[in-house]
Amino acid sequence: MFAAVVESGSFASAAQRLGTSSGYASKLVAKIESELGVRLLHRTTRALQLTEAGQTYYNRVRGSLTRSTSSMRRCAAQAPPRAGRCASPPLDLRDFKARADSCRVCQGLSGGEP
């Protein structure tokens, strides 16, 4: 959610992009700030601005998301086709995590039968 807020430039845009409310988006970012013990964004009624800590955190989050997406694509490309079934793993889990932040996401690919 934090990365979406930064990239969208507002809680409302990020929330719309991820299919949730701006209030929920704001609460998630506030929760991250509380857990880290640092302010990530300067908020005004007209704009959001990253703090120095926010910029550092965003760079790390963005890097992690990019690496995760890249890894999932590489793994999906190497997975053997399964007869009678066609499935694609989700390549971007941000939407899912934003909607179900209490869930743990475990990823895996298997060529064997379930």
Protein backbone atom coordinates (compact mmCIF):
# COMPACT_ATOMS: atom_id res chain seq x y z
CA MET A 1 0.00 0.00 0.00
CA PHE A 2 2.81 2.42 0.89
CA ALA A 3 4.43 2.03 -2.54
CA ALA A 4 1.06 2.56 -4.24
CA VAL A 5 0.48 5.76 -2.24
CA VAL A 6 3.91 7.09 -3.17
CA GLU A 7 3.55 6.17 -6.85
CA SER A 8 -0.01 7.51 -7.09
CA GLY A 9 0.72 10.67 -5.15
CA SER A 10 -2.34 10.34 -2.94
CA PHE A 11 -4.20 7.97 -0.67
CA ALA A 12 -7.35 8.30 -2.79
CA SER A 13 -5.60 7.35 -6.06
CA ALA A 14 -3.76 4.45 -4.45
CA ALA A 15 -6.95 3.20 -2.81
CA GLN A 16 -8.88 3.39 -6.07
CA ARG A 17 -6.08 1.54 -7.89
CA LEU A 18 -6.12 -1.23 -5.27
CA GLY A 19 -9.90 -1.36 -4.82
CA THR A 20 -10.15 -0.12 -1.25
CA SER A 21 -10.99 3.09 0.59
CA SER A 22 -8.64 6.02 1.13
CA GLY A 23 -9.31 5.74 4.87
CA TYR A 24 -8.11 2.15 4.86
CA ALA A 25 -5.03 3.11 2.82
CA SER A 26 -4.24 5.86 5.32
CA LYS A 27 -4.62 3.45 8.24
CA LEU A 28 -2.26 0.93 6.64
CA VAL A 29 0.43 3.54 6.09
CA ALA A 30 -0.05 4.86 9.64
CA LYS A 31 0.35 1.30 10.91
CA ILE A 32 3.63 0.93 9.02
CA GLU A 33 4.84 4.23 10.44
CA SER A 34 3.86 3.15 13.94
CA GLU A 35 5.64 -0.21 13.61
CA LEU A 36 8.77 1.46 12.26
CA GLY A 37 8.59 4.28 14.77
CA VAL A 38 9.25 6.90 12.10
CA ARG A 39 7.22 9.26 9.91
CA LEU A 40 7.36 8.19 6.24
CA LEU A 41 5.19 10.90 4.71
CA HIS A 42 4.57 14.58 5.35
CA ARG A 43 0.83 15.02 4.83
CA THR A 44 -0.99 18.23 4.00
CA THR A 45 -4.50 18.70 2.67
CA ARG A 46 -3.04 19.23 -0.80
CA ALA A 47 0.00 16.99 -1.07
CA LEU A 48 2.10 14.13 0.23
CA GLN A 49 5.85 14.35 0.47
CA LEU A 50 8.29 11.61 1.41
CA THR A 51 10.45 12.15 4.44
CA GLU A 52 14.08 11.06 4.24
CA ALA A 53 13.12 7.85 6.06
CA GLY A 54 10.16 7.47 3.71
CA GLN A 55 12.40 7.71 0.65
CA THR A 56 14.76 5.07 2.07
CA TYR A 57 11.85 2.76 2.94
CA TYR A 58 10.22 3.28 -0.48
CA ASN A 59 13.47 2.45 -2.30
CA ARG A 60 13.74 -0.81 -0.36
CA VAL A 61 10.05 -1.72 -0.78
CA ARG A 62 10.11 -0.94 -4.51
CA GLY A 63 13.28 -3.01 -4.93
CA SER A 64 11.72 -5.94 -3.09
CA LEU A 65 8.55 -5.79 -5.18
CA THR A 66 10.55 -5.61 -8.40
CA ARG A 67 12.74 -8.57 -7.43
CA SER A 68 9.73 -10.62 -6.32
CA THR A 69 7.83 -9.98 -9.54
CA SER A 70 10.90 -10.75 -11.64
CA SER A 71 11.53 -13.99 -9.73
CA MET A 72 7.92 -15.10 -10.10
CA ARG A 73 8.02 -14.45 -13.86
CA ARG A 74 11.26 -16.42 -14.25
CA CYS A 75 9.87 -19.34 -12.26
CA ALA A 76 6.56 -19.30 -14.13
CA ALA A 77 8.42 -19.35 -17.46
CA GLN A 78 10.36 -22.46 -16.36
CA ALA A 79 7.36 -24.39 -15.07
CA PRO A 80 6.45 -27.37 -17.25
CA PRO A 81 3.00 -27.20 -18.87
CA ARG A 82 0.30 -29.27 -17.21
CA ALA A 83 -2.03 -31.28 -19.41
CA GLY A 84 -5.65 -30.26 -19.16
CA ARG A 85 -5.00 -27.28 -16.91
CA CYS A 86 -3.82 -23.80 -17.61
CA ALA A 87 -3.04 -21.54 -14.72
CA SER A 88 -0.94 -18.45 -14.30
CA PRO A 89 0.38 -17.44 -10.92
CA PRO A 90 -0.39 -13.86 -9.94
CA LEU A 91 2.59 -11.79 -10.98
CA ASP A 92 1.76 -8.80 -8.80
CA LEU A 93 0.60 -9.55 -5.28
CA ARG A 94 0.19 -5.93 -4.18
CA ASP A 95 -3.55 -5.93 -4.92
CA PHE A 96 -4.09 -9.14 -2.97
CA LYS A 97 -2.00 -8.04 0.01
CA ALA A 98 -3.76 -4.68 0.14
CA ARG A 99 -7.14 -6.38 0.37
CA ALA A 100 -6.15 -9.15 2.75
CA ASP A 101 -3.33 -7.78 4.89
CA SER A 102 -3.92 -10.39 7.58
CA CYS A 103 -3.12 -13.23 5.15
CA ARG A 104 0.30 -14.71 4.63
CA VAL A 105 1.27 -15.28 1.03
CA CYS A 106 3.32 -18.36 0.22
CA GLN A 107 4.42 -18.84 -3.35
CA GLY A 108 5.47 -22.01 -5.01
CA LEU A 109 5.48 -23.85 -8.28
CA SER A 110 5.37 -27.57 -8.72
CA GLY A 111 5.56 -29.78 -11.77
CA GLY A 112 4.04 -32.74 -9.94
CA GLU A 113 0.45 -33.64 -9.33
CA PRO A 114 -1.33 -32.01 -6.36
